[in-house]
Amino acid sequence: MTVSLDAADVFALGPVAAVAAVRDALAGGLDPDGDVPRAVVPLAHGQGLLMPSEHGGWYGVKVATVAPGNTARGLRRINATYLLHDSATLTPVALLDGVALTTLRTPAVSVAVGLERLRALAAGCGGEGRGLRLVVFGAGPQGEGHVATVRAHVPVADVAVVTRRGGPVPGWADRHLAADDGGVADLVRRAEAVVTATSARRPVVDGRLVRDDAVVLAVGSHEPDVRELDSVLMGRATVVVESREIALREAGDVVLAIREGTLAPDGLVTPADLSGARAAAPADRPLVVKTCGAGWQDLVVAVAAYRRKTGTVGKRG
């Protein structure tokens, strides 16, 4: 029987369990570079995305669409459905709300990769009697989701959201500034964590302003000619990507910095590089976690949500 998980069922997994699902998969040997590349289909009014993956006894595929014009229509820019199968029989076992899944898994990956730096920063702030200061570029679901996921793991003292025009303060933030507000630069200078979750095609953060010990979680772009982060920051930072192949193919933040000569392809770091005793990100350089999204991320979080819904924790199929 195929079980349906609506948005509430998916979100019920929660950010802590979603981060744990990502970290457990990576610790268990999942190789992101071994994943099937997603197919991007140009459409008359946007893009279609097909994102398959198989791992750990499960196979799943997300079918998503990106329609830039929907924002002006008051409709969702991204729509998606996820179908999960048992690998042994290839029987479909669950149909999940793909938009909720994307909203949950994207910040889970960012935080899973950047968690050690976030914890170290929070420990330092604890000595000052406060939590982290976050600056979030973008007021959409991913901005909100990243704040919720960071909050679920470390104390947060202040959240400033920045958008092109400013506006009302979202319930998950403490203030809302327009991008041209003079106060934005000072907020970035002081922030321990910066999130970029926008549809911008050019950099939204001045890389000279980011603290040497800050963590930057960048998720807004997945096209080679689009970026949110400038070459200055990419050249200063330790740049962690979910997969070198994906980054060099899809991450404009990476591709353009390499083209401009501030970042070397062999300087990219993966989560595996940061695991165990092999290496640690230098504490005196910004840590940029740049993700584009991949099928394995949807799969491991979808499996966790399915197990929670059906009470099959520790079982397959």
Protein backbone atom coordinates (compact mmCIF):
# COMPACT_ATOMS: atom_id res chain seq x y z
CA MET A 1 0.00 0.00 0.00
CA THR A 2 1.30 3.45 -0.90
CA VAL A 3 1.13 5.87 2.04
CA SER A 4 0.53 9.56 1.42
CA LEU A 5 2.44 12.15 3.44
CA ASP A 6 1.08 15.66 3.17
CA ALA A 7 3.06 18.76 4.11
CA ALA A 8 2.15 18.43 7.80
CA ASP A 9 3.36 14.81 7.84
CA VAL A 10 6.68 15.79 6.27
CA PHE A 11 7.26 18.77 8.56
CA ALA A 12 6.36 16.61 11.57
CA LEU A 13 9.77 14.95 11.16
CA GLY A 14 11.31 18.20 12.39
CA PRO A 15 14.69 19.82 11.73
CA VAL A 16 16.64 17.84 14.34
CA ALA A 17 15.65 14.47 12.87
CA ALA A 18 16.17 15.78 9.33
CA VAL A 19 19.72 16.92 10.15
CA ALA A 20 20.37 13.58 11.85
CA ALA A 21 19.17 11.73 8.73
CA VAL A 22 21.64 13.65 6.57
CA ARG A 23 24.55 13.24 8.97
CA ASP A 24 23.85 9.54 9.49
CA ALA A 25 23.77 8.92 5.74
CA LEU A 26 27.09 10.70 5.19
CA ALA A 27 28.69 9.00 8.20
CA GLY A 28 27.43 5.67 6.85
CA GLY A 29 29.42 6.07 3.65
CA LEU A 30 26.93 7.62 1.24
CA ASP A 31 28.93 9.10 -1.65
CA PRO A 32 27.22 12.23 -3.04
CA ASP A 33 29.40 12.09 -6.16
CA GLY A 34 28.02 8.63 -6.85
CA ASP A 35 24.45 9.94 -7.04
CA VAL A 36 22.52 10.15 -10.31
CA PRO A 37 22.68 13.71 -11.73
CA ARG A 38 19.37 15.48 -11.81
CA ALA A 39 17.81 16.19 -15.17
CA VAL A 40 16.87 19.78 -15.88
CA VAL A 41 14.23 20.18 -18.58
CA PRO A 42 13.76 23.66 -20.11
CA LEU A 43 10.05 24.46 -20.31
CA ALA A 44 8.10 27.25 -21.94
CA HIS A 45 7.53 29.00 -18.62
CA GLY A 46 10.34 27.69 -16.42
CA GLN A 47 12.11 24.43 -15.67
CA GLY A 48 11.28 20.85 -14.90
CA LEU A 49 13.55 18.89 -12.54
CA LEU A 50 13.81 15.12 -12.16
CA MET A 51 15.86 14.04 -9.14
CA PRO A 52 16.28 10.25 -8.65
CA SER A 53 18.44 8.50 -6.07
CA GLU A 54 18.98 5.03 -4.58
CA HIS A 55 20.60 4.35 -1.22
CA GLY A 56 20.29 2.03 1.73
CA GLY A 57 17.49 -0.16 0.40
CA TRP A 58 15.40 2.72 -0.94
CA TYR A 59 14.80 4.37 -4.29
CA GLY A 60 13.03 7.67 -4.76
CA VAL A 61 12.46 10.39 -7.32
CA LYS A 62 11.32 13.98 -7.01
CA VAL A 63 9.51 15.65 -9.87
CA ALA A 64 9.69 19.42 -9.47
CA THR A 65 8.91 22.51 -11.48
CA VAL A 66 10.26 26.04 -11.16
CA ALA A 67 8.02 28.77 -12.61
CA PRO A 68 9.54 32.25 -12.05
CA GLY A 69 6.39 33.96 -13.29
CA ASN A 70 4.22 32.39 -10.61
CA THR A 71 5.32 34.89 -7.98
CA ALA A 72 3.54 37.71 -9.80
CA ARG A 73 0.46 35.48 -10.06
CA GLY A 74 0.39 34.84 -6.33
CA LEU A 75 1.25 31.18 -6.93
CA ARG A 76 4.09 29.01 -5.66
CA ARG A 77 7.31 29.40 -7.64
CA ILE A 78 8.27 25.78 -6.94
CA ASN A 79 5.99 22.74 -7.02
CA ALA A 80 7.09 19.17 -6.39
CA THR A 81 5.99 15.60 -5.67
CA TYR A 82 8.16 12.79 -4.27
CA LEU A 83 7.66 9.06 -4.84
CA LEU A 84 9.50 6.63 -2.53
CA HIS A 85 10.08 2.95 -3.37
CA ASP A 86 11.43 -0.11 -1.58
CA SER A 87 14.58 -1.02 -3.56
CA ALA A 88 14.15 -4.77 -3.13
CA THR A 89 10.82 -4.94 -4.96
CA LEU A 90 10.71 -1.46 -6.55
CA THR A 91 7.24 -1.15 -5.10
CA PRO A 92 6.11 2.41 -4.38
CA VAL A 93 5.56 2.79 -0.65
CA ALA A 94 4.95 6.51 -0.17
CA LEU A 95 3.93 9.67 -2.00
CA LEU A 96 5.21 12.80 -0.26
CA ASP A 97 4.60 16.51 -0.60
CA GLY A 98 7.74 17.46 -2.49
CA VAL A 99 7.63 21.16 -1.64
CA ALA A 100 7.57 20.42 2.09
CA LEU A 101 10.34 17.86 1.61
CA THR A 102 12.53 20.40 -0.20
CA THR A 103 11.80 23.04 2.42
CA LEU A 104 12.84 20.66 5.21
CA ARG A 105 15.84 18.94 3.65
CA THR A 106 17.62 22.00 2.22
CA PRO A 107 18.39 23.67 5.57
CA ALA A 108 18.98 20.22 7.06
CA VAL A 109 21.88 19.72 4.64
CA SER A 110 23.27 23.23 5.27
CA VAL A 111 23.20 22.81 9.03
CA ALA A 112 24.39 19.19 8.94
CA VAL A 113 27.52 20.30 7.10
CA GLY A 114 28.10 23.49 9.09
CA LEU A 115 27.08 22.18 12.51
CA GLU A 116 30.53 22.00 14.09
CA ARG A 117 31.29 25.61 13.17
CA LEU A 118 27.86 26.74 14.38
CA ARG A 119 28.40 24.96 17.69
CA ALA A 120 31.85 26.49 18.09
CA LEU A 121 30.49 29.95 17.41
CA ALA A 122 27.61 29.40 19.83
CA ALA A 123 30.05 28.26 22.52
CA GLY A 124 31.94 31.52 22.09
CA CYS A 125 28.74 33.52 22.27
CA GLY A 126 27.81 31.61 25.41
CA GLY A 127 30.80 33.19 27.09
CA GLU A 128 29.26 36.54 26.25
CA GLY A 129 25.86 35.45 27.53
CA ARG A 130 24.08 35.47 24.17
CA GLY A 131 23.33 33.35 21.12
CA LEU A 132 24.27 33.68 17.47
CA ARG A 133 23.49 36.72 15.36
CA LEU A 134 22.02 35.69 12.01
CA VAL A 135 21.58 37.75 8.85
CA VAL A 136 19.26 36.10 6.33
CA PHE A 137 19.03 37.31 2.74
CA GLY A 138 15.60 36.25 1.53
CA ALA A 139 12.27 36.11 3.37
CA GLY A 140 10.88 32.98 1.74
CA PRO A 141 10.42 29.43 3.04
CA GLN A 142 14.13 28.64 2.82
CA GLY A 143 15.11 31.68 4.86
CA GLU A 144 12.58 30.72 7.50
CA GLY A 145 13.58 27.05 7.34
CA HIS A 146 17.25 27.81 7.86
CA VAL A 147 16.50 29.96 10.89
CA ALA A 148 14.32 27.22 12.39
CA THR A 149 16.97 24.58 11.75
CA VAL A 150 19.79 26.65 13.21
CA ARG A 151 17.61 27.49 16.25
CA ALA A 152 16.91 23.79 16.78
CA HIS A 153 20.64 23.17 17.23
CA VAL A 154 22.21 26.26 18.79
CA PRO A 155 21.02 29.37 20.68
CA VAL A 156 20.14 32.35 18.48
CA ALA A 157 20.06 35.90 19.84
CA ASP A 158 19.01 37.95 16.82
CA VAL A 159 17.74 37.38 13.29
CA ALA A 160 17.80 40.13 10.69
CA VAL A 161 16.18 39.43 7.33
CA VAL A 162 17.21 41.41 4.25
CA THR A 163 15.19 41.68 1.04
CA ARG A 164 15.32 44.01 -1.93
CA ARG A 165 12.58 46.32 -0.69
CA GLY A 166 12.22 45.48 3.00
CA GLY A 167 8.75 45.22 4.48
CA PRO A 168 6.92 43.78 7.49
CA VAL A 169 8.97 41.77 9.95
CA PRO A 170 8.32 38.01 9.57
CA GLY A 171 7.35 36.19 12.74
CA TRP A 172 10.65 34.27 12.67
CA ALA A 173 12.86 37.40 12.54
CA ASP A 174 13.62 40.37 14.77
CA ARG A 175 13.95 42.96 12.01
CA HIS A 176 13.50 43.35 8.25
CA LEU A 177 15.73 45.66 6.22
CA ALA A 178 15.85 46.68 2.58
CA ALA A 179 19.04 45.69 0.77
CA ASP A 180 20.06 49.32 0.31
CA ASP A 181 19.64 50.15 4.01
CA GLY A 182 22.92 51.44 5.43
CA GLY A 183 22.52 49.22 8.48
CA VAL A 184 22.89 45.98 6.50
CA ALA A 185 26.68 46.24 6.25
CA ASP A 186 27.07 46.57 10.01
CA LEU A 187 24.77 43.61 10.64
CA VAL A 188 26.82 41.44 8.28
CA ARG A 189 30.07 42.54 9.95
CA ARG A 190 28.79 41.40 13.35
CA ALA A 191 26.92 38.25 12.27
CA GLU A 192 28.23 34.83 13.24
CA ALA A 193 26.02 33.26 10.56
CA VAL A 194 24.76 34.49 7.19
CA VAL A 195 22.14 32.72 5.10
CA THR A 196 21.54 33.47 1.41
CA ALA A 197 18.26 32.03 0.16
CA THR A 198 17.23 34.33 -2.68
CA SER A 199 16.38 34.23 -6.37
CA ALA A 200 19.02 36.90 -7.04
CA ARG A 201 21.28 36.48 -10.06
CA ARG A 202 24.09 38.68 -8.71
CA PRO A 203 25.84 38.71 -5.31
CA VAL A 204 23.77 39.91 -2.37
CA VAL A 205 26.60 39.87 0.20
CA ASP A 206 29.73 42.02 0.17
CA GLY A 207 32.40 39.40 0.80
CA ARG A 208 34.73 41.91 2.46
CA LEU A 209 32.31 42.33 5.35
CA VAL A 210 31.93 38.71 6.48
CA ARG A 211 33.75 37.85 9.72
CA ASP A 212 36.78 35.57 9.50
CA ASP A 213 35.08 32.99 11.73
CA ALA A 214 31.55 33.27 10.29
CA VAL A 215 29.58 30.51 8.60
CA VAL A 216 27.71 31.30 5.38
CA LEU A 217 24.93 28.97 4.23
CA ALA A 218 24.19 29.60 0.55
CA VAL A 219 21.28 27.81 -1.13
CA GLY A 220 19.58 30.20 -3.53
CA SER A 221 21.20 29.34 -6.87
CA HIS A 222 21.65 26.14 -8.87
CA GLU A 223 22.68 27.51 -12.26
CA PRO A 224 26.29 28.02 -13.42
CA ASP A 225 25.79 31.68 -14.33
CA VAL A 226 23.87 32.72 -11.20
CA ARG A 227 25.36 33.49 -7.79
CA GLU A 228 24.59 35.06 -4.42
CA LEU A 229 28.20 35.20 -3.14
CA ASP A 230 31.00 37.22 -4.70
CA SER A 231 34.48 36.06 -5.62
CA VAL A 232 36.00 37.98 -2.72
CA LEU A 233 34.22 35.83 -0.17
CA MET A 234 34.78 32.60 -2.10
CA GLY A 235 38.49 33.37 -2.24
CA ARG A 236 38.68 34.07 1.51
CA ALA A 237 36.64 31.09 2.61
CA THR A 238 36.83 27.38 3.09
CA VAL A 239 34.18 26.35 0.56
CA VAL A 240 32.27 23.16 1.37
CA VAL A 241 30.08 21.67 -1.35
CA GLU A 242 27.76 18.68 -1.19
CA SER A 243 29.51 17.24 -4.26
CA ARG A 244 32.41 18.51 -6.36
CA GLU A 245 30.71 17.33 -9.54
CA ILE A 246 27.48 19.15 -8.72
CA ALA A 247 29.30 22.31 -7.67
CA LEU A 248 31.41 22.47 -10.81
CA ARG A 249 28.35 21.83 -12.96
CA GLU A 250 25.64 23.87 -11.26
CA ALA A 251 26.91 26.22 -8.54
CA GLY A 252 27.39 29.64 -10.07
CA ASP A 253 28.94 30.88 -6.83
CA VAL A 254 31.70 28.32 -7.38
CA VAL A 255 31.90 28.31 -11.18
CA LEU A 256 32.19 32.10 -11.50
CA ALA A 257 34.75 32.41 -8.68
CA ILE A 258 36.89 29.78 -10.41
CA ARG A 259 36.51 31.61 -13.71
CA GLU A 260 37.59 34.86 -12.03
CA GLY A 261 40.63 33.20 -10.50
CA THR A 262 39.87 33.53 -6.78
CA LEU A 263 38.95 29.87 -6.17
CA ALA A 264 40.67 26.70 -7.37
CA PRO A 265 38.63 23.57 -8.19
CA ASP A 266 40.94 21.44 -6.05
CA GLY A 267 40.31 23.81 -3.14
CA LEU A 268 36.71 22.69 -2.81
CA VAL A 269 35.97 20.64 0.32
CA THR A 270 33.29 17.98 0.76
CA PRO A 271 31.63 16.82 3.99
CA ALA A 272 33.73 13.65 3.78
CA ASP A 273 36.87 15.80 3.86
CA LEU A 274 35.74 17.31 7.15
CA SER A 275 34.80 14.01 8.79
CA GLY A 276 36.92 12.16 11.33
CA ALA A 277 40.47 13.29 11.83
CA ARG A 278 41.32 13.97 8.18
CA ALA A 279 40.84 17.72 8.25
CA ALA A 280 39.15 20.57 10.00
CA ALA A 281 38.07 23.86 8.49
CA PRO A 282 40.47 26.62 9.61
CA ALA A 283 38.80 28.67 12.32
CA ASP A 284 40.24 31.93 10.97
CA ARG A 285 38.57 31.68 7.56
CA PRO A 286 34.86 32.02 6.77
CA LEU A 287 33.15 28.68 6.21
CA VAL A 288 30.92 28.75 3.13
CA VAL A 289 28.50 25.85 2.77
CA LYS A 290 27.25 26.00 -0.82
CA THR A 291 24.55 23.53 -1.85
CA CYS A 292 22.49 23.17 -5.01
CA GLY A 293 20.32 20.25 -3.93
CA ALA A 294 20.66 16.59 -4.86
CA GLY A 295 18.49 13.51 -5.05
CA TRP A 296 20.15 11.69 -2.13
CA GLN A 297 19.19 14.55 0.20
CA ASP A 298 15.50 14.19 -0.65
CA LEU A 299 15.77 10.42 -0.32
CA VAL A 300 17.29 10.19 3.16
CA VAL A 301 14.90 12.76 4.60
CA ALA A 302 11.90 11.20 2.82
CA VAL A 303 12.79 7.80 4.31
CA ALA A 304 13.02 9.33 7.78
CA ALA A 305 9.63 11.02 7.35
CA TYR A 306 8.09 7.79 6.04
CA ARG A 307 9.44 5.78 8.95
CA ARG A 308 8.10 8.29 11.43
CA LYS A 309 4.67 8.28 9.78
CA THR A 310 4.40 4.49 9.61
CA GLY A 311 6.28 3.56 12.77
CA THR A 312 8.80 1.48 10.80
CA VAL A 313 11.92 2.99 12.36
CA GLY A 314 14.87 0.70 11.72
CA LYS A 315 12.97 -1.31 9.09
CA ARG A 316 12.94 -1.21 5.30
CA GLY A 317 10.00 -1.22 2.96
